Amino acid sequence: MTAAGPSLSQPYVGSEPESYRVECAADAAGITTCGTDLTIFLGKLTFDEYCASCHARDALGSAFAPSLVERARGLTRAQFMNLLERGYGGEAAAMTRWAEVPAVRNYADALWAYLSARAAGDLPPGPIDLLPETGGP
């Protein structure tokens, strides 16, 4: 992820996940780099700030929190938003009601778009950059 660029300081209403943009390319050494639109980029920022400590880097899951890549495959957007609103009480730990946290509530659509792109296989694990023509907030 680039050091400079958008932040989570202001509400953002992004595009629907079906219209996200991800472009990945491998360099001569075979290292893949991906660029995304603003919605996915902000979703990753939100995930890294509020979700990665439990669900691990790139949403792959940990010993006490599931892979959100796998979970997002079985959820609709409405179900995901409901989970953010009410939280989740699992066997090993409970997920907070993220809708009470303004930075998560304001970026819920971007977070859903990021997880949708990961779940669909359109966005592989790893750092991402903001596509230059997408601009910023």
C-alpha atoms as a PDB file:
ATOM      1  CA  MET A   1       0.000   0.000   0.000  1.00  0.00           C
ATOM      2  CA  THR A   2       1.293   3.428  -0.732  1.00  0.00           C
ATOM      3  CA  ALA A   3       2.354   5.622   2.167  1.00  0.00           C
ATOM      4  CA  ALA A   4       0.590   8.717   0.867  1.00  0.00           C
ATOM      5  CA  GLY A   5      -2.980   8.849  -0.298  1.00  0.00           C
ATOM      6  CA  PRO A   6      -6.496   8.741   1.070  1.00  0.00           C
ATOM      7  CA  SER A   7      -7.254   8.374   4.756  1.00  0.00           C
ATOM      8  CA  LEU A   8     -10.251   7.378   6.831  1.00  0.00           C
ATOM      9  CA  SER A   9     -10.812  10.886   8.160  1.00  0.00           C
ATOM     10  CA  GLN A  10     -14.019  11.576   6.221  1.00  0.00           C
ATOM     11  CA  PRO A  11     -17.056   9.478   5.264  1.00  0.00           C
ATOM     12  CA  TYR A  12     -16.874   7.824   1.881  1.00  0.00           C
ATOM     13  CA  VAL A  13     -19.651   6.245  -0.132  1.00  0.00           C
ATOM     14  CA  GLY A  14     -18.130   4.019  -2.774  1.00  0.00           C
ATOM     15  CA  SER A  15     -19.303   2.047  -5.727  1.00  0.00           C
ATOM     16  CA  GLU A  16     -21.071  -1.265  -5.521  1.00  0.00           C
ATOM     17  CA  PRO A  17     -18.652  -4.216  -5.264  1.00  0.00           C
ATOM     18  CA  GLU A  18     -19.722  -5.438  -8.704  1.00  0.00           C
ATOM     19  CA  SER A  19     -18.118  -2.380 -10.251  1.00  0.00           C
ATOM     20  CA  TYR A  20     -14.768  -2.378  -8.498  1.00  0.00           C
ATOM     21  CA  ARG A  21     -11.519  -2.158 -10.420  1.00  0.00           C
ATOM     22  CA  VAL A  22      -8.416  -4.239  -9.719  1.00  0.00           C
ATOM     23  CA  GLU A  23      -5.400  -4.459 -12.022  1.00  0.00           C
ATOM     24  CA  CYS A  24      -2.558  -6.845 -11.195  1.00  0.00           C
ATOM     25  CA  ALA A  25       0.671  -7.472 -13.065  1.00  0.00           C
ATOM     26  CA  ALA A  26       3.789  -9.519 -12.396  1.00  0.00           C
ATOM     27  CA  ASP A  27       7.214  -7.986 -12.862  1.00  0.00           C
ATOM     28  CA  ALA A  28      10.239  -9.753 -14.387  1.00  0.00           C
ATOM     29  CA  ALA A  29      10.988 -11.415 -11.032  1.00  0.00           C
ATOM     30  CA  GLY A  30       7.438 -12.795 -10.853  1.00  0.00           C
ATOM     31  CA  ILE A  31       6.328 -10.465  -8.054  1.00  0.00           C
ATOM     32  CA  THR A  32       2.700  -9.446  -8.477  1.00  0.00           C
ATOM     33  CA  THR A  33       1.664  -5.888  -7.756  1.00  0.00           C
ATOM     34  CA  CYS A  34      -1.970  -4.802  -7.750  1.00  0.00           C
ATOM     35  CA  GLY A  35      -3.585  -1.426  -8.171  1.00  0.00           C
ATOM     36  CA  THR A  36      -7.188  -0.766  -7.209  1.00  0.00           C
ATOM     37  CA  ASP A  37      -9.861   1.860  -7.425  1.00  0.00           C
ATOM     38  CA  LEU A  38     -10.505   4.169  -4.484  1.00  0.00           C
ATOM     39  CA  THR A  39     -13.265   2.000  -3.023  1.00  0.00           C
ATOM     40  CA  ILE A  40     -11.098  -1.113  -2.714  1.00  0.00           C
ATOM     41  CA  PHE A  41      -8.140   0.956  -1.528  1.00  0.00           C
ATOM     42  CA  LEU A  42     -10.181   2.516   1.281  1.00  0.00           C
ATOM     43  CA  GLY A  43     -11.646  -0.876   2.142  1.00  0.00           C
ATOM     44  CA  LYS A  44      -8.134  -2.263   2.601  1.00  0.00           C
ATOM     45  CA  LEU A  45      -7.178   0.719   4.770  1.00  0.00           C
ATOM     46  CA  THR A  46     -10.261   0.101   6.910  1.00  0.00           C
ATOM     47  CA  PHE A  47      -9.534  -3.620   7.135  1.00  0.00           C
ATOM     48  CA  ASP A  48      -5.891  -3.060   8.076  1.00  0.00           C
ATOM     49  CA  GLU A  49      -6.825  -0.549  10.783  1.00  0.00           C
ATOM     50  CA  TYR A  50      -9.803  -2.326  12.380  1.00  0.00           C
ATOM     51  CA  CYS A  51      -9.959  -5.961  11.312  1.00  0.00           C
ATOM     52  CA  ALA A  52      -6.467  -7.328  10.634  1.00  0.00           C
ATOM     53  CA  SER A  53      -5.523  -7.601  14.313  1.00  0.00           C
ATOM     54  CA  CYS A  54      -8.018 -10.470  14.642  1.00  0.00           C
ATOM     55  CA  HIS A  55      -8.637 -11.716  11.093  1.00  0.00           C
ATOM     56  CA  ALA A  56      -4.948 -11.477  10.115  1.00  0.00           C
ATOM     57  CA  ARG A  57      -3.264  -9.837   7.170  1.00  0.00           C
ATOM     58  CA  ASP A  58      -5.184 -10.060   3.907  1.00  0.00           C
ATOM     59  CA  ALA A  59      -8.282 -11.400   5.748  1.00  0.00           C
ATOM     60  CA  LEU A  60      -6.891 -14.939   5.807  1.00  0.00           C
ATOM     61  CA  GLY A  61      -7.938 -15.685   9.391  1.00  0.00           C
ATOM     62  CA  SER A  62      -6.160 -16.506  12.627  1.00  0.00           C
ATOM     63  CA  ALA A  63      -6.354 -19.048  15.442  1.00  0.00           C
ATOM     64  CA  PHE A  64      -9.361 -17.240  16.943  1.00  0.00           C
ATOM     65  CA  ALA A  65     -10.990 -15.348  14.062  1.00  0.00           C
ATOM     66  CA  PRO A  66     -12.071 -16.882  10.742  1.00  0.00           C
ATOM     67  CA  SER A  67     -10.869 -16.117   7.251  1.00  0.00           C
ATOM     68  CA  LEU A  68     -13.060 -13.333   5.944  1.00  0.00           C
ATOM     69  CA  VAL A  69     -12.040 -14.345   2.432  1.00  0.00           C
ATOM     70  CA  GLU A  70     -13.896 -17.622   3.006  1.00  0.00           C
ATOM     71  CA  ARG A  71     -16.766 -16.065   4.982  1.00  0.00           C
ATOM     72  CA  ALA A  72     -17.429 -13.340   2.403  1.00  0.00           C
ATOM     73  CA  ARG A  73     -18.004 -16.036  -0.240  1.00  0.00           C
ATOM     74  CA  GLY A  74     -21.087 -17.156   1.663  1.00  0.00           C
ATOM     75  CA  LEU A  75     -22.486 -13.740   2.589  1.00  0.00           C
ATOM     76  CA  THR A  76     -24.633 -11.235   0.805  1.00  0.00           C
ATOM     77  CA  ARG A  77     -23.898  -7.549   1.245  1.00  0.00           C
ATOM     78  CA  ALA A  78     -26.985  -7.264   3.479  1.00  0.00           C
ATOM     79  CA  GLN A  79     -25.792 -10.116   5.711  1.00  0.00           C
ATOM     80  CA  PHE A  80     -22.347  -8.534   5.983  1.00  0.00           C
ATOM     81  CA  MET A  81     -23.829  -5.162   6.947  1.00  0.00           C
ATOM     82  CA  ASN A  82     -26.020  -6.911   9.518  1.00  0.00           C
ATOM     83  CA  LEU A  83     -22.945  -8.541  11.071  1.00  0.00           C
ATOM     84  CA  LEU A  84     -21.247  -5.138  11.305  1.00  0.00           C
ATOM     85  CA  GLU A  85     -24.382  -3.739  12.927  1.00  0.00           C
ATOM     86  CA  ARG A  86     -24.996  -6.440  15.528  1.00  0.00           C
ATOM     87  CA  GLY A  87     -21.544  -7.935  16.000  1.00  0.00           C
ATOM     88  CA  TYR A  88     -20.890 -11.637  16.315  1.00  0.00           C
ATOM     89  CA  GLY A  89     -20.507 -13.908  19.314  1.00  0.00           C
ATOM     90  CA  GLY A  90     -18.386 -16.884  18.312  1.00  0.00           C
ATOM     91  CA  GLU A  91     -17.111 -19.807  20.355  1.00  0.00           C
ATOM     92  CA  ALA A  92     -13.622 -18.427  21.020  1.00  0.00           C
ATOM     93  CA  ALA A  93     -14.202 -14.687  20.875  1.00  0.00           C
ATOM     94  CA  ALA A  94     -16.770 -12.024  20.090  1.00  0.00           C
ATOM     95  CA  MET A  95     -16.661  -9.448  17.334  1.00  0.00           C
ATOM     96  CA  THR A  96     -17.605  -5.947  18.393  1.00  0.00           C
ATOM     97  CA  ARG A  97     -20.525  -4.042  16.916  1.00  0.00           C
ATOM     98  CA  TRP A  98     -18.461  -2.180  14.334  1.00  0.00           C
ATOM     99  CA  ALA A  99     -21.379  -0.023  13.253  1.00  0.00           C
ATOM    100  CA  GLU A 100     -20.786   1.898  16.502  1.00  0.00           C
ATOM    101  CA  VAL A 101     -17.303   2.899  15.295  1.00  0.00           C
ATOM    102  CA  PRO A 102     -17.700   5.831  12.874  1.00  0.00           C
ATOM    103  CA  ALA A 103     -14.621   5.021  10.764  1.00  0.00           C
ATOM    104  CA  VAL A 104     -15.914   1.493  10.146  1.00  0.00           C
ATOM    105  CA  ARG A 105     -19.554   2.518   9.704  1.00  0.00           C
ATOM    106  CA  ASN A 106     -18.549   5.242   7.228  1.00  0.00           C
ATOM    107  CA  TYR A 107     -16.437   2.810   5.202  1.00  0.00           C
ATOM    108  CA  ALA A 108     -18.646  -0.285   5.420  1.00  0.00           C
ATOM    109  CA  ASP A 109     -19.300  -0.294   1.654  1.00  0.00           C
ATOM    110  CA  ALA A 110     -15.582   0.020   0.909  1.00  0.00           C
ATOM    111  CA  LEU A 111     -14.809  -2.760   3.392  1.00  0.00           C
ATOM    112  CA  TRP A 112     -17.412  -4.977   1.729  1.00  0.00           C
ATOM    113  CA  ALA A 113     -15.943  -4.202  -1.708  1.00  0.00           C
ATOM    114  CA  TYR A 114     -12.420  -5.091  -0.497  1.00  0.00           C
ATOM    115  CA  LEU A 115     -13.582  -8.379   1.038  1.00  0.00           C
ATOM    116  CA  SER A 116     -15.665  -9.164  -2.059  1.00  0.00           C
ATOM    117  CA  ALA A 117     -12.635  -8.665  -4.311  1.00  0.00           C
ATOM    118  CA  ARG A 118     -10.537 -10.903  -2.040  1.00  0.00           C
ATOM    119  CA  ALA A 119     -13.286 -13.556  -1.886  1.00  0.00           C
ATOM    120  CA  ALA A 120     -13.793 -13.532  -5.671  1.00  0.00           C
ATOM    121  CA  GLY A 121     -10.074 -14.057  -6.228  1.00  0.00           C
ATOM    122  CA  ASP A 122      -9.774 -10.761  -8.101  1.00  0.00           C
ATOM    123  CA  LEU A 123      -7.414  -9.320  -5.480  1.00  0.00           C
ATOM    124  CA  PRO A 124      -4.605 -11.610  -4.313  1.00  0.00           C
ATOM    125  CA  PRO A 125      -2.965 -11.239  -0.886  1.00  0.00           C
ATOM    126  CA  GLY A 126      -0.376  -8.514  -0.556  1.00  0.00           C
ATOM    127  CA  PRO A 127       0.031  -4.771  -0.637  1.00  0.00           C
ATOM    128  CA  ILE A 128      -1.979  -2.676  -3.058  1.00  0.00           C
ATOM    129  CA  ASP A 129      -1.587   0.719  -4.650  1.00  0.00           C
ATOM    130  CA  LEU A 130      -4.199   3.218  -5.683  1.00  0.00           C
ATOM    131  CA  LEU A 131      -4.552   3.314  -9.461  1.00  0.00           C
ATOM    132  CA  PRO A 132      -3.316   6.751 -10.535  1.00  0.00           C
ATOM    133  CA  GLU A 133      -6.369   7.731 -12.558  1.00  0.00           C
ATOM    134  CA  THR A 134      -8.760   7.046  -9.668  1.00  0.00           C
ATOM    135  CA  GLY A 135      -7.630  10.058  -7.664  1.00  0.00           C
ATOM    136  CA  GLY A 136      -8.390  10.477  -4.012  1.00  0.00           C
ATOM    137  CA  PRO A 137     -10.943  12.034  -1.704  1.00  0.00           C
END
